[in-house]
Structures are given as C-alpha cells and as structure tokens.
Amino acid sequence: MLQGKWRALAMAGAVAAACATSARAQVIVHPDYRPPETVQRVAIPVDPAEKRLKVLILSGWNSYEHDWTGVNNLLRKQLQDTGRFDVRVIEDFDHGNLDTLKGYDVVLLNYSSRWVYNDPVEHRWSPEAEKALFDYVRQGGGLVAYHSSFTFGYNWPEYRRLVGAVMEPGQSRRSPPGGFPVHIVDRSHPITQGMREFIWTYNDDMYTNMVQDPQAHIHVLATAHDASAAYKPELAGPKYPVAAYTPDKLAKMKGMDADHPQVWTADYGKGRVFSITLGHDEVGLGFAGLKTLMARGTEWAASGKVTLPVEEEAKAYPVK
C-alpha cells in the first residue's frame, strides 16, 4: 500500500511539473497499466509447397500499453488467412543479420525500443542488426512499419528516413479519441483502390505532429483530424490533465484542428515502405478497414502489386 501511495505521489508530481512546461508539449503520463489478455486462434503452419509471399515480423520489445505478443499472433493469422502470405515471427533480433532477412519478401516491424516512449533508456539492436535492416530495404526488400514502430527512432536519423516520420516527445502528441474516422485521401493507389472514402478505427491511437524526415519521399494515403474539442476533460480522460489542455494552451499547440497523415508509402533505396500508424490492438485490427490496409499494404511492400480484394465493409459505395 505504501508503494502505491509513493507511486501516486510521484505521478502527481510528474503531472504538475509537466503542466508547467511549454504549452506546445504533450504531457506524457506513466500509469500503472498492462494491456488485457486476449484469447485468439493460433495460425497453423503453411504448406511449404504453396507459393506464398514470405513475411517476417520483427518484434520482442514494446511500450507498456501494447500487447505485442497478442498482436503478432493476430497479424500472423490474418495475413495467412488471406492465402497470400507465409508469416514467421522473431522476438529477438538483437544480433540479427542480412542473410536472415534476405529469406523474406517483406519485414513487418512491430517494435518499440522504450517502455514509455519518452524514456531516456531504450533497447536497441546491435549495430550489425540495425545495419542489416537498412541494407535489406535499401537493396530491394519490402518493409511494413506498423503502429508503435513510430514511437521510437526520434534520436536515430537513419531510422526516421527509413519509415518516413516518427513521434517526437515535446512536439508530437496522441489525440484523445480512441475511436475516430480515417480519411482515405488517395483512393487511386493500388493499396487503397476500391476502398470507401472514410473508414473507422476503434480503441486506437491517433498520432499527430509526427516529425517527417526531410529526405523521405512520402505519399500520404490516409489522414485523421485532431480536433481541439476532443481535449475537453469530459471526453479526454485522465491521461490529459485539465491544467495542461486549457483552451489557451490548445490554441498554441501546433497542428490543432488539422488533418494528420496516418498511412503513407515511401521508398528507401530500391525498397518499398508501407507505413501505418493505426492498429493499436486486436480491436481495431479486427475491423474491415484496417484489415484491408494491413493485407494490401503488406502485399504491395512485398511485391509491388496488389491482388487481394477489399474487405466487404471497406468497399466503396455510391454516395449520391
């Protein structure tokens, strides 16, 4: 009980100190939280005789609110269920190498190096393993950068160039809504062709004010709107201390009441990069819009073309 009191006092002190900082910076609260357990169907092995695209999920470390083991299993199952992919998972790439990666058509990053994304201490791979990932994509391998993989790398310029943009403490922020519409702003790209203009995601994170690498060639496919009205205390919840999000402070925050990229493509050397900030957990990933984007984006990154259909509830429909 005494430990709980000290933890509460420490958190209150951190919030008070944060509220006194620049109005432009988001207050990052460290709650005592772990994601709930999920019960899921486990993917069965693929027949080696099938000619499928080979996907490698790189994982093994993530922030406190992400059930990365459960999401790895869900992504593996969903991708393999399309009949297009054979998916493997590595939970320790600390000493990985290029030869390992070259056995796959695309690498999917479900990795973050920090327990809380502004922590000074992080878990990075060995320099050889990091170079292997860059070389793999540079030489033509596909990459899917997924969700929490944008919450690290702000002190790692080459990684930011690889994925296109990252969350940076003090400048970027997570918008309060857990459920929000996602605007497909380019429906002519092979990944999004045939999709409706707006899809919804739930129990998710809207990353805003991400810092884009100036050398990255980003093509935005989808955006979300960060509305100041969502920061009202009645809506935002305890992660957003009232004193830090007063109307005058909100008015000074960069990118408020504006649209922010959530899904994009980029290139890195000869490789194709599909970046998707959405899909916090099995809830959002279970809906048609995100399932479509994950499957078709992975196929595009791996092969340069898209053959998988749009999920029925994500298909375009007449609006007039």
C-alpha atoms as a PDB file:
ATOM      1  CA  MET A   1       0.000   0.000   0.000  1.00  0.00           C
ATOM      2  CA  LEU A   2       2.893   2.325   0.859  1.00  0.00           C
ATOM      3  CA  GLN A   3       4.409   1.685  -2.566  1.00  0.00           C
ATOM      4  CA  GLY A   4       1.072   2.536  -4.168  1.00  0.00           C
ATOM      5  CA  LYS A   5       0.974   5.866  -2.291  1.00  0.00           C
ATOM      6  CA  TRP A   6       4.512   6.729  -3.383  1.00  0.00           C
ATOM      7  CA  ARG A   7       3.645   5.822  -6.986  1.00  0.00           C
ATOM      8  CA  ALA A   8       0.557   8.047  -6.852  1.00  0.00           C
ATOM      9  CA  LEU A   9       2.559  10.926  -5.353  1.00  0.00           C
ATOM     10  CA  ALA A  10       5.285  10.532  -7.956  1.00  0.00           C
ATOM     11  CA  MET A  11       2.750  10.534 -10.782  1.00  0.00           C
ATOM     12  CA  ALA A  12       1.011  13.615  -9.373  1.00  0.00           C
ATOM     13  CA  GLY A  13       4.355  15.390  -9.135  1.00  0.00           C
ATOM     14  CA  ALA A  14       5.247  14.434 -12.699  1.00  0.00           C
ATOM     15  CA  VAL A  15       1.923  15.725 -13.971  1.00  0.00           C
ATOM     16  CA  ALA A  16       2.301  19.001 -12.057  1.00  0.00           C
ATOM     17  CA  ALA A  17       5.798  19.513 -13.429  1.00  0.00           C
ATOM     18  CA  ALA A  18       4.698  18.684 -16.930  1.00  0.00           C
ATOM     19  CA  CYS A  19       1.801  21.114 -16.744  1.00  0.00           C
ATOM     20  CA  ALA A  20       4.291  23.872 -16.012  1.00  0.00           C
ATOM     21  CA  THR A  21       6.273  23.168 -19.202  1.00  0.00           C
ATOM     22  CA  SER A  22       5.666  24.635 -22.622  1.00  0.00           C
ATOM     23  CA  ALA A  23       2.061  24.589 -23.755  1.00  0.00           C
ATOM     24  CA  ARG A  24       3.254  23.087 -27.031  1.00  0.00           C
ATOM     25  CA  ALA A  25       4.403  19.839 -25.428  1.00  0.00           C
ATOM     26  CA  GLN A  26       2.116  16.941 -24.631  1.00  0.00           C
ATOM     27  CA  VAL A  27       2.016  15.750 -21.060  1.00  0.00           C
ATOM     28  CA  ILE A  28       3.123  12.100 -21.042  1.00  0.00           C
ATOM     29  CA  VAL A  29       1.584  10.291 -18.070  1.00  0.00           C
ATOM     30  CA  HIS A  30       3.026   6.956 -16.887  1.00  0.00           C
ATOM     31  CA  PRO A  31       0.069   4.995 -15.485  1.00  0.00           C
ATOM     32  CA  ASP A  32       0.391   1.604 -13.844  1.00  0.00           C
ATOM     33  CA  TYR A  33      -1.210  -0.272 -16.737  1.00  0.00           C
ATOM     34  CA  ARG A  34      -0.837  -3.510 -18.678  1.00  0.00           C
ATOM     35  CA  PRO A  35      -2.932  -4.492 -21.712  1.00  0.00           C
ATOM     36  CA  PRO A  36      -5.665  -7.079 -21.152  1.00  0.00           C
ATOM     37  CA  GLU A  37      -5.098 -10.687 -22.161  1.00  0.00           C
ATOM     38  CA  THR A  38      -6.802 -11.893 -25.320  1.00  0.00           C
ATOM     39  CA  VAL A  39      -7.908 -15.328 -26.492  1.00  0.00           C
ATOM     40  CA  GLN A  40      -7.177 -15.883 -30.161  1.00  0.00           C
ATOM     41  CA  ARG A  41      -6.988 -18.622 -32.743  1.00  0.00           C
ATOM     42  CA  VAL A  42      -3.384 -19.590 -33.401  1.00  0.00           C
ATOM     43  CA  ALA A  43      -2.174 -19.668 -37.001  1.00  0.00           C
ATOM     44  CA  ILE A  44      -1.220 -23.116 -38.281  1.00  0.00           C
ATOM     45  CA  PRO A  45       1.874 -23.735 -40.434  1.00  0.00           C
ATOM     46  CA  VAL A  46       1.653 -23.121 -44.183  1.00  0.00           C
ATOM     47  CA  ASP A  47       2.370 -25.946 -46.627  1.00  0.00           C
ATOM     48  CA  PRO A  48       5.908 -25.233 -47.945  1.00  0.00           C
ATOM     49  CA  ALA A  49       4.751 -26.268 -51.433  1.00  0.00           C
ATOM     50  CA  GLU A  50       2.461 -23.227 -51.609  1.00  0.00           C
ATOM     51  CA  LYS A  51       3.991 -20.268 -53.408  1.00  0.00           C
ATOM     52  CA  ARG A  52       3.272 -17.545 -50.872  1.00  0.00           C
ATOM     53  CA  LEU A  53       4.949 -14.243 -50.100  1.00  0.00           C
ATOM     54  CA  LYS A  54       7.206 -14.633 -47.084  1.00  0.00           C
ATOM     55  CA  VAL A  55       6.669 -12.182 -44.205  1.00  0.00           C
ATOM     56  CA  LEU A  56       8.937 -11.771 -41.175  1.00  0.00           C
ATOM     57  CA  ILE A  57       7.549  -9.923 -38.142  1.00  0.00           C
ATOM     58  CA  LEU A  58      10.352  -8.320 -36.116  1.00  0.00           C
ATOM     59  CA  SER A  59       9.266  -7.835 -32.530  1.00  0.00           C
ATOM     60  CA  GLY A  60      10.313  -8.565 -28.954  1.00  0.00           C
ATOM     61  CA  TRP A  61      10.210  -5.185 -27.228  1.00  0.00           C
ATOM     62  CA  ASN A  62       7.484  -2.580 -26.934  1.00  0.00           C
ATOM     63  CA  SER A  63       5.844   0.046 -24.748  1.00  0.00           C
ATOM     64  CA  TYR A  64       3.777  -0.794 -21.686  1.00  0.00           C
ATOM     65  CA  GLU A  65       0.340  -0.361 -23.305  1.00  0.00           C
ATOM     66  CA  HIS A  66       0.920  -2.670 -26.286  1.00  0.00           C
ATOM     67  CA  ASP A  67       0.162  -6.386 -26.259  1.00  0.00           C
ATOM     68  CA  TRP A  68       2.803  -7.104 -28.860  1.00  0.00           C
ATOM     69  CA  THR A  69       2.700 -10.873 -28.406  1.00  0.00           C
ATOM     70  CA  GLY A  70      -1.053 -10.993 -28.978  1.00  0.00           C
ATOM     71  CA  VAL A  71      -0.845  -8.622 -31.952  1.00  0.00           C
ATOM     72  CA  ASN A  72       1.936 -10.689 -33.530  1.00  0.00           C
ATOM     73  CA  ASN A  73      -0.309 -13.719 -33.385  1.00  0.00           C
ATOM     74  CA  LEU A  74      -3.303 -11.824 -34.760  1.00  0.00           C
ATOM     75  CA  LEU A  75      -1.356 -10.315 -37.655  1.00  0.00           C
ATOM     76  CA  ARG A  76       0.115 -13.716 -38.472  1.00  0.00           C
ATOM     77  CA  LYS A  77      -3.308 -15.330 -38.503  1.00  0.00           C
ATOM     78  CA  GLN A  78      -4.996 -12.574 -40.506  1.00  0.00           C
ATOM     79  CA  LEU A  79      -2.253 -12.377 -43.120  1.00  0.00           C
ATOM     80  CA  GLN A  80      -2.028 -16.147 -43.541  1.00  0.00           C
ATOM     81  CA  ASP A  81      -5.807 -16.440 -43.763  1.00  0.00           C
ATOM     82  CA  THR A  82      -5.699 -14.400 -46.985  1.00  0.00           C
ATOM     83  CA  GLY A  83      -3.871 -17.296 -48.655  1.00  0.00           C
ATOM     84  CA  ARG A  84      -1.205 -14.882 -49.893  1.00  0.00           C
ATOM     85  CA  PHE A  85       1.376 -14.957 -47.073  1.00  0.00           C
ATOM     86  CA  ASP A  86       3.546 -17.289 -45.025  1.00  0.00           C
ATOM     87  CA  VAL A  87       4.372 -15.434 -41.804  1.00  0.00           C
ATOM     88  CA  ARG A  88       7.124 -16.022 -39.252  1.00  0.00           C
ATOM     89  CA  VAL A  89       7.914 -14.085 -36.056  1.00  0.00           C
ATOM     90  CA  ILE A  90      11.269 -13.198 -34.476  1.00  0.00           C
ATOM     91  CA  GLU A  91      11.191 -11.883 -30.909  1.00  0.00           C
ATOM     92  CA  ASP A  92      14.943 -11.312 -30.606  1.00  0.00           C
ATOM     93  CA  PHE A  93      16.754  -9.540 -33.430  1.00  0.00           C
ATOM     94  CA  ASP A  94      19.478  -8.066 -31.222  1.00  0.00           C
ATOM     95  CA  HIS A  95      22.150  -9.864 -33.237  1.00  0.00           C
ATOM     96  CA  GLY A  96      20.254 -10.438 -36.474  1.00  0.00           C
ATOM     97  CA  ASN A  97      21.897 -10.322 -39.876  1.00  0.00           C
ATOM     98  CA  LEU A  98      21.187  -9.578 -43.522  1.00  0.00           C
ATOM     99  CA  ASP A  99      21.170 -13.237 -44.559  1.00  0.00           C
ATOM    100  CA  THR A 100      18.233 -13.883 -42.248  1.00  0.00           C
ATOM    101  CA  LEU A 101      16.221 -11.011 -43.717  1.00  0.00           C
ATOM    102  CA  LYS A 102      17.000 -11.901 -47.311  1.00  0.00           C
ATOM    103  CA  GLY A 103      14.940 -15.065 -46.939  1.00  0.00           C
ATOM    104  CA  TYR A 104      11.772 -12.923 -46.812  1.00  0.00           C
ATOM    105  CA  ASP A 105       9.866 -10.719 -49.243  1.00  0.00           C
ATOM    106  CA  VAL A 106       8.847  -8.204 -46.590  1.00  0.00           C
ATOM    107  CA  VAL A 107       9.663  -7.351 -42.983  1.00  0.00           C
ATOM    108  CA  LEU A 108       6.885  -6.111 -40.677  1.00  0.00           C
ATOM    109  CA  LEU A 109       8.089  -4.029 -37.729  1.00  0.00           C
ATOM    110  CA  ASN A 110       6.071  -4.389 -34.526  1.00  0.00           C
ATOM    111  CA  TYR A 111       8.756  -2.976 -32.276  1.00  0.00           C
ATOM    112  CA  SER A 112       9.404  -0.058 -29.976  1.00  0.00           C
ATOM    113  CA  SER A 113      12.618   0.367 -28.027  1.00  0.00           C
ATOM    114  CA  ARG A 114      11.172   2.060 -24.926  1.00  0.00           C
ATOM    115  CA  TRP A 115       8.754   1.062 -22.144  1.00  0.00           C
ATOM    116  CA  VAL A 116       7.363   4.625 -22.291  1.00  0.00           C
ATOM    117  CA  TYR A 117       8.140   6.495 -25.463  1.00  0.00           C
ATOM    118  CA  ASN A 118       9.941   9.408 -23.796  1.00  0.00           C
ATOM    119  CA  ASP A 119      12.128   7.179 -21.589  1.00  0.00           C
ATOM    120  CA  PRO A 120      15.833   8.059 -21.809  1.00  0.00           C
ATOM    121  CA  VAL A 121      16.772   4.365 -21.726  1.00  0.00           C
ATOM    122  CA  GLU A 122      15.930   2.236 -24.752  1.00  0.00           C
ATOM    123  CA  HIS A 123      16.570  -1.279 -26.026  1.00  0.00           C
ATOM    124  CA  ARG A 124      18.303  -1.052 -29.401  1.00  0.00           C
ATOM    125  CA  TRP A 125      19.597  -3.874 -31.564  1.00  0.00           C
ATOM    126  CA  SER A 126      23.295  -4.353 -32.189  1.00  0.00           C
ATOM    127  CA  PRO A 127      24.819  -2.012 -34.815  1.00  0.00           C
ATOM    128  CA  GLU A 128      25.181  -5.002 -37.141  1.00  0.00           C
ATOM    129  CA  ALA A 129      21.494  -5.905 -36.814  1.00  0.00           C
ATOM    130  CA  GLU A 130      20.402  -2.307 -37.393  1.00  0.00           C
ATOM    131  CA  LYS A 131      22.575  -2.078 -40.500  1.00  0.00           C
ATOM    132  CA  ALA A 132      21.125  -5.368 -41.732  1.00  0.00           C
ATOM    133  CA  LEU A 133      17.592  -3.905 -41.731  1.00  0.00           C
ATOM    134  CA  PHE A 134      18.688  -0.769 -43.586  1.00  0.00           C
ATOM    135  CA  ASP A 135      20.659  -2.796 -46.141  1.00  0.00           C
ATOM    136  CA  TYR A 136      17.782  -5.224 -46.650  1.00  0.00           C
ATOM    137  CA  VAL A 137      15.329  -2.479 -47.594  1.00  0.00           C
ATOM    138  CA  ARG A 138      17.919  -0.430 -49.482  1.00  0.00           C
ATOM    139  CA  GLN A 139      18.672  -3.465 -51.652  1.00  0.00           C
ATOM    140  CA  GLY A 140      15.004  -4.012 -52.522  1.00  0.00           C
ATOM    141  CA  GLY A 141      13.330  -5.725 -49.573  1.00  0.00           C
ATOM    142  CA  GLY A 142       9.847  -4.620 -48.547  1.00  0.00           C
ATOM    143  CA  LEU A 143       9.047  -3.017 -45.197  1.00  0.00           C
ATOM    144  CA  VAL A 144       5.807  -2.533 -43.251  1.00  0.00           C
ATOM    145  CA  ALA A 145       6.277  -0.048 -40.393  1.00  0.00           C
ATOM    146  CA  TYR A 146       3.381  -0.613 -38.014  1.00  0.00           C
ATOM    147  CA  HIS A 147       1.884   1.444 -35.157  1.00  0.00           C
ATOM    148  CA  SER A 148       4.263   1.561 -32.177  1.00  0.00           C
ATOM    149  CA  SER A 149       7.256   1.369 -34.521  1.00  0.00           C
ATOM    150  CA  PHE A 150       6.823   5.139 -34.904  1.00  0.00           C
ATOM    151  CA  THR A 151       7.231   5.809 -31.179  1.00  0.00           C
ATOM    152  CA  PHE A 152      10.983   5.302 -31.287  1.00  0.00           C
ATOM    153  CA  GLY A 153      13.711   6.433 -33.642  1.00  0.00           C
ATOM    154  CA  TYR A 154      13.416  10.163 -32.933  1.00  0.00           C
ATOM    155  CA  ASN A 155      17.093  10.079 -31.888  1.00  0.00           C
ATOM    156  CA  TRP A 156      18.003   7.799 -34.801  1.00  0.00           C
ATOM    157  CA  PRO A 157      18.052   9.792 -38.083  1.00  0.00           C
ATOM    158  CA  GLU A 158      18.505   6.840 -40.425  1.00  0.00           C
ATOM    159  CA  TYR A 159      15.504   5.056 -38.927  1.00  0.00           C
ATOM    160  CA  ARG A 160      13.357   8.154 -39.384  1.00  0.00           C
ATOM    161  CA  ARG A 161      14.476   8.266 -43.010  1.00  0.00           C
ATOM    162  CA  LEU A 162      13.531   4.593 -43.360  1.00  0.00           C
ATOM    163  CA  VAL A 163       9.953   4.800 -42.049  1.00  0.00           C
ATOM    164  CA  GLY A 164       9.330   8.403 -43.152  1.00  0.00           C
ATOM    165  CA  ALA A 165       8.286  10.040 -39.871  1.00  0.00           C
ATOM    166  CA  VAL A 166       8.324   9.383 -36.113  1.00  0.00           C
ATOM    167  CA  MET A 167       6.716  10.579 -32.895  1.00  0.00           C
ATOM    168  CA  GLU A 168       8.968  13.034 -31.071  1.00  0.00           C
ATOM    169  CA  PRO A 169       8.370  13.888 -27.385  1.00  0.00           C
ATOM    170  CA  GLY A 170       7.714  17.580 -26.887  1.00  0.00           C
ATOM    171  CA  GLN A 171       6.411  18.063 -30.405  1.00  0.00           C
ATOM    172  CA  SER A 172       4.239  15.091 -31.374  1.00  0.00           C
ATOM    173  CA  ARG A 173       1.140  14.017 -29.471  1.00  0.00           C
ATOM    174  CA  ARG A 174      -1.522  11.353 -29.263  1.00  0.00           C
ATOM    175  CA  SER A 175      -5.004  12.770 -29.791  1.00  0.00           C
ATOM    176  CA  PRO A 176      -7.527  11.678 -27.111  1.00  0.00           C
ATOM    177  CA  PRO A 177     -10.194   9.834 -29.147  1.00  0.00           C
ATOM    178  CA  GLY A 178      -9.926   6.054 -29.058  1.00  0.00           C
ATOM    179  CA  GLY A 179     -12.348   5.719 -31.972  1.00  0.00           C
ATOM    180  CA  PHE A 180     -12.225   8.036 -34.973  1.00  0.00           C
ATOM    181  CA  PRO A 181     -12.796   8.172 -38.736  1.00  0.00           C
ATOM    182  CA  VAL A 182      -9.837   7.767 -41.070  1.00  0.00           C
ATOM    183  CA  HIS A 183      -9.964   9.663 -44.360  1.00  0.00           C
ATOM    184  CA  ILE A 184      -8.619   7.749 -47.361  1.00  0.00           C
ATOM    185  CA  VAL A 185      -7.286  10.752 -49.268  1.00  0.00           C
ATOM    186  CA  ASP A 186      -5.845   8.792 -52.200  1.00  0.00           C
ATOM    187  CA  ARG A 187      -8.117   6.037 -53.482  1.00  0.00           C
ATOM    188  CA  SER A 188      -6.211   5.605 -56.739  1.00  0.00           C
ATOM    189  CA  HIS A 189      -3.174   3.905 -55.192  1.00  0.00           C
ATOM    190  CA  PRO A 190      -3.096   0.089 -55.578  1.00  0.00           C
ATOM    191  CA  ILE A 191      -3.366  -0.329 -51.785  1.00  0.00           C
ATOM    192  CA  THR A 192      -6.488   1.813 -51.376  1.00  0.00           C
ATOM    193  CA  GLN A 193      -8.140   1.459 -54.767  1.00  0.00           C
ATOM    194  CA  GLY A 194     -11.757   0.374 -54.323  1.00  0.00           C
ATOM    195  CA  MET A 195     -11.978   1.470 -50.680  1.00  0.00           C
ATOM    196  CA  ARG A 196     -14.613   3.829 -49.318  1.00  0.00           C
ATOM    197  CA  GLU A 197     -13.558   7.392 -48.566  1.00  0.00           C
ATOM    198  CA  PHE A 198     -13.836   7.045 -44.787  1.00  0.00           C
ATOM    199  CA  ILE A 199     -13.191   4.030 -42.574  1.00  0.00           C
ATOM    200  CA  TRP A 200     -13.350   3.825 -38.780  1.00  0.00           C
ATOM    201  CA  THR A 201     -10.876   2.535 -36.251  1.00  0.00           C
ATOM    202  CA  TYR A 202     -11.563   1.756 -32.591  1.00  0.00           C
ATOM    203  CA  ASN A 203      -9.534   1.541 -29.366  1.00  0.00           C
ATOM    204  CA  ASP A 204      -6.751   3.132 -31.359  1.00  0.00           C
ATOM    205  CA  ASP A 205      -4.143   5.897 -31.256  1.00  0.00           C
ATOM    206  CA  MET A 206      -4.160   8.961 -33.480  1.00  0.00           C
ATOM    207  CA  TYR A 207      -0.549  10.110 -33.842  1.00  0.00           C
ATOM    208  CA  THR A 208      -0.272  13.818 -34.669  1.00  0.00           C
ATOM    209  CA  ASN A 209       2.544  16.290 -35.358  1.00  0.00           C
ATOM    210  CA  MET A 210       4.886  13.491 -36.305  1.00  0.00           C
ATOM    211  CA  VAL A 211       8.326  14.670 -37.399  1.00  0.00           C
ATOM    212  CA  GLN A 212       8.932  13.830 -41.046  1.00  0.00           C
ATOM    213  CA  ASP A 213      12.394  13.189 -42.372  1.00  0.00           C
ATOM    214  CA  PRO A 214      13.212  15.901 -44.924  1.00  0.00           C
ATOM    215  CA  GLN A 215      14.744  13.352 -47.308  1.00  0.00           C
ATOM    216  CA  ALA A 216      11.831  10.903 -47.155  1.00  0.00           C
ATOM    217  CA  HIS A 217       9.598  10.737 -50.224  1.00  0.00           C
ATOM    218  CA  ILE A 218       6.239  10.267 -48.524  1.00  0.00           C
ATOM    219  CA  HIS A 219       2.985   9.690 -50.381  1.00  0.00           C
ATOM    220  CA  VAL A 220       0.045  10.071 -47.979  1.00  0.00           C
ATOM    221  CA  LEU A 221      -2.828   7.596 -48.357  1.00  0.00           C
ATOM    222  CA  ALA A 222      -4.917   8.390 -45.265  1.00  0.00           C
ATOM    223  CA  THR A 223      -5.285  11.097 -42.617  1.00  0.00           C
ATOM    224  CA  ALA A 224      -7.167  11.744 -39.363  1.00  0.00           C
ATOM    225  CA  HIS A 225      -8.386  15.004 -37.836  1.00  0.00           C
ATOM    226  CA  ASP A 226      -7.057  16.233 -34.489  1.00  0.00           C
ATOM    227  CA  ALA A 227      -9.908  18.328 -33.071  1.00  0.00           C
ATOM    228  CA  SER A 228      -9.449  20.670 -30.092  1.00  0.00           C
ATOM    229  CA  ALA A 229     -12.953  19.748 -28.914  1.00  0.00           C
ATOM    230  CA  ALA A 230     -11.717  16.201 -28.224  1.00  0.00           C
ATOM    231  CA  TYR A 231      -9.449  17.531 -25.446  1.00  0.00           C
ATOM    232  CA  LYS A 232     -12.354  18.613 -23.238  1.00  0.00           C
ATOM    233  CA  PRO A 233     -11.901  16.951 -19.814  1.00  0.00           C
ATOM    234  CA  GLU A 234     -15.261  15.183 -20.074  1.00  0.00           C
ATOM    235  CA  LEU A 235     -14.057  13.440 -23.243  1.00  0.00           C
ATOM    236  CA  ALA A 236     -10.285  13.171 -22.980  1.00  0.00           C
ATOM    237  CA  GLY A 237      -9.859  11.147 -19.790  1.00  0.00           C
ATOM    238  CA  PRO A 238      -7.200  11.193 -17.029  1.00  0.00           C
ATOM    239  CA  LYS A 239      -4.207  10.892 -19.376  1.00  0.00           C
ATOM    240  CA  TYR A 240      -4.895  14.521 -20.336  1.00  0.00           C
ATOM    241  CA  PRO A 241      -4.570  16.681 -17.191  1.00  0.00           C
ATOM    242  CA  VAL A 242      -7.019  19.601 -17.251  1.00  0.00           C
ATOM    243  CA  ALA A 243      -4.376  22.236 -16.495  1.00  0.00           C
ATOM    244  CA  ALA A 244      -2.265  21.157 -19.461  1.00  0.00           C
ATOM    245  CA  TYR A 245      -5.073  21.405 -22.034  1.00  0.00           C
ATOM    246  CA  THR A 246      -6.842  24.672 -21.302  1.00  0.00           C
ATOM    247  CA  PRO A 247      -8.337  26.496 -24.313  1.00  0.00           C
ATOM    248  CA  ASP A 248      -5.467  28.988 -24.451  1.00  0.00           C
ATOM    249  CA  LYS A 249      -2.856  26.208 -24.380  1.00  0.00           C
ATOM    250  CA  LEU A 250      -4.713  24.196 -27.014  1.00  0.00           C
ATOM    251  CA  ALA A 251      -4.772  27.270 -29.260  1.00  0.00           C
ATOM    252  CA  LYS A 252      -0.960  27.409 -29.155  1.00  0.00           C
ATOM    253  CA  MET A 253      -0.444  23.731 -29.989  1.00  0.00           C
ATOM    254  CA  LYS A 254       0.903  23.096 -33.462  1.00  0.00           C
ATOM    255  CA  GLY A 255      -1.363  21.126 -35.768  1.00  0.00           C
ATOM    256  CA  MET A 256      -4.508  21.535 -33.678  1.00  0.00           C
ATOM    257  CA  ASP A 257      -7.795  21.308 -35.635  1.00  0.00           C
ATOM    258  CA  ALA A 258      -5.891  19.934 -38.610  1.00  0.00           C
ATOM    259  CA  ASP A 259      -5.533  16.699 -40.574  1.00  0.00           C
ATOM    260  CA  HIS A 260      -2.513  14.480 -39.922  1.00  0.00           C
ATOM    261  CA  PRO A 261      -1.057  11.611 -42.007  1.00  0.00           C
ATOM    262  CA  GLN A 262      -1.806   8.142 -40.618  1.00  0.00           C
ATOM    263  CA  VAL A 263      -0.967   5.907 -43.581  1.00  0.00           C
ATOM    264  CA  TRP A 264       1.625   6.513 -46.290  1.00  0.00           C
ATOM    265  CA  THR A 265       4.066   4.899 -48.657  1.00  0.00           C
ATOM    266  CA  ALA A 266       7.714   5.777 -49.088  1.00  0.00           C
ATOM    267  CA  ASP A 267      10.853   4.472 -50.749  1.00  0.00           C
ATOM    268  CA  TYR A 268      14.232   3.663 -49.299  1.00  0.00           C
ATOM    269  CA  GLY A 269      16.841   2.788 -51.873  1.00  0.00           C
ATOM    270  CA  LYS A 270      15.271   0.091 -54.042  1.00  0.00           C
ATOM    271  CA  GLY A 271      12.794  -0.957 -51.338  1.00  0.00           C
ATOM    272  CA  ARG A 272       9.109  -0.178 -50.882  1.00  0.00           C
ATOM    273  CA  VAL A 273       7.909   1.057 -47.472  1.00  0.00           C
ATOM    274  CA  PHE A 274       4.314   0.919 -46.247  1.00  0.00           C
ATOM    275  CA  SER A 275       3.799   2.926 -43.045  1.00  0.00           C
ATOM    276  CA  ILE A 276       0.621   2.583 -40.989  1.00  0.00           C
ATOM    277  CA  THR A 277       0.342   4.275 -37.602  1.00  0.00           C
ATOM    278  CA  LEU A 278      -3.057   2.706 -36.874  1.00  0.00           C
ATOM    279  CA  GLY A 279      -3.968  -0.629 -35.274  1.00  0.00           C
ATOM    280  CA  HIS A 280      -3.268  -0.358 -31.553  1.00  0.00           C
ATOM    281  CA  ASP A 281      -4.587  -3.834 -30.751  1.00  0.00           C
ATOM    282  CA  GLU A 282      -6.816  -6.700 -31.855  1.00  0.00           C
ATOM    283  CA  VAL A 283      -9.915  -4.486 -31.639  1.00  0.00           C
ATOM    284  CA  GLY A 284      -9.061  -2.061 -34.429  1.00  0.00           C
ATOM    285  CA  LEU A 285      -7.208  -4.693 -36.430  1.00  0.00           C
ATOM    286  CA  GLY A 286     -10.359  -6.799 -36.492  1.00  0.00           C
ATOM    287  CA  PHE A 287     -12.371  -4.254 -38.479  1.00  0.00           C
ATOM    288  CA  ALA A 288     -12.596  -4.324 -42.262  1.00  0.00           C
ATOM    289  CA  GLY A 289     -10.809  -1.051 -42.940  1.00  0.00           C
ATOM    290  CA  LEU A 290      -7.608  -1.853 -41.093  1.00  0.00           C
ATOM    291  CA  LYS A 291      -7.645  -5.495 -42.189  1.00  0.00           C
ATOM    292  CA  THR A 292      -7.764  -4.288 -45.779  1.00  0.00           C
ATOM    293  CA  LEU A 293      -4.954  -1.786 -45.320  1.00  0.00           C
ATOM    294  CA  MET A 294      -2.681  -4.241 -43.490  1.00  0.00           C
ATOM    295  CA  ALA A 295      -3.129  -7.053 -46.000  1.00  0.00           C
ATOM    296  CA  ARG A 296      -2.949  -4.979 -49.163  1.00  0.00           C
ATOM    297  CA  GLY A 297      -0.158  -2.750 -47.813  1.00  0.00           C
ATOM    298  CA  THR A 298       1.921  -5.798 -46.906  1.00  0.00           C
ATOM    299  CA  GLU A 299       1.339  -7.327 -50.341  1.00  0.00           C
ATOM    300  CA  TRP A 300       2.347  -4.077 -52.060  1.00  0.00           C
ATOM    301  CA  ALA A 301       5.515  -3.709 -49.976  1.00  0.00           C
ATOM    302  CA  ALA A 302       6.464  -7.308 -50.709  1.00  0.00           C
ATOM    303  CA  SER A 303       5.683  -7.462 -54.425  1.00  0.00           C
ATOM    304  CA  GLY A 304       4.914  -4.009 -55.799  1.00  0.00           C
ATOM    305  CA  LYS A 305       1.391  -5.016 -56.774  1.00  0.00           C
ATOM    306  CA  VAL A 306      -1.924  -5.739 -55.086  1.00  0.00           C
ATOM    307  CA  THR A 307      -4.158  -8.711 -55.866  1.00  0.00           C
ATOM    308  CA  LEU A 308      -6.020  -9.093 -52.568  1.00  0.00           C
ATOM    309  CA  PRO A 309      -9.628  -7.819 -52.523  1.00  0.00           C
ATOM    310  CA  VAL A 310     -11.004  -5.037 -50.351  1.00  0.00           C
ATOM    311  CA  GLU A 311     -12.954  -6.368 -47.353  1.00  0.00           C
ATOM    312  CA  GLU A 312     -16.712  -6.103 -47.965  1.00  0.00           C
ATOM    313  CA  GLU A 313     -17.376  -3.461 -45.287  1.00  0.00           C
ATOM    314  CA  ALA A 314     -14.462  -1.331 -46.511  1.00  0.00           C
ATOM    315  CA  LYS A 315     -15.552  -1.238 -50.165  1.00  0.00           C
ATOM    316  CA  ALA A 316     -16.516   1.989 -51.891  1.00  0.00           C
ATOM    317  CA  TYR A 317     -20.241   2.597 -52.284  1.00  0.00           C
ATOM    318  CA  PRO A 318     -22.444   5.203 -54.045  1.00  0.00           C
ATOM    319  CA  VAL A 319     -22.843   8.411 -52.050  1.00  0.00           C
ATOM    320  CA  LYS A 320     -25.125  10.265 -54.478  1.00  0.00           C
END
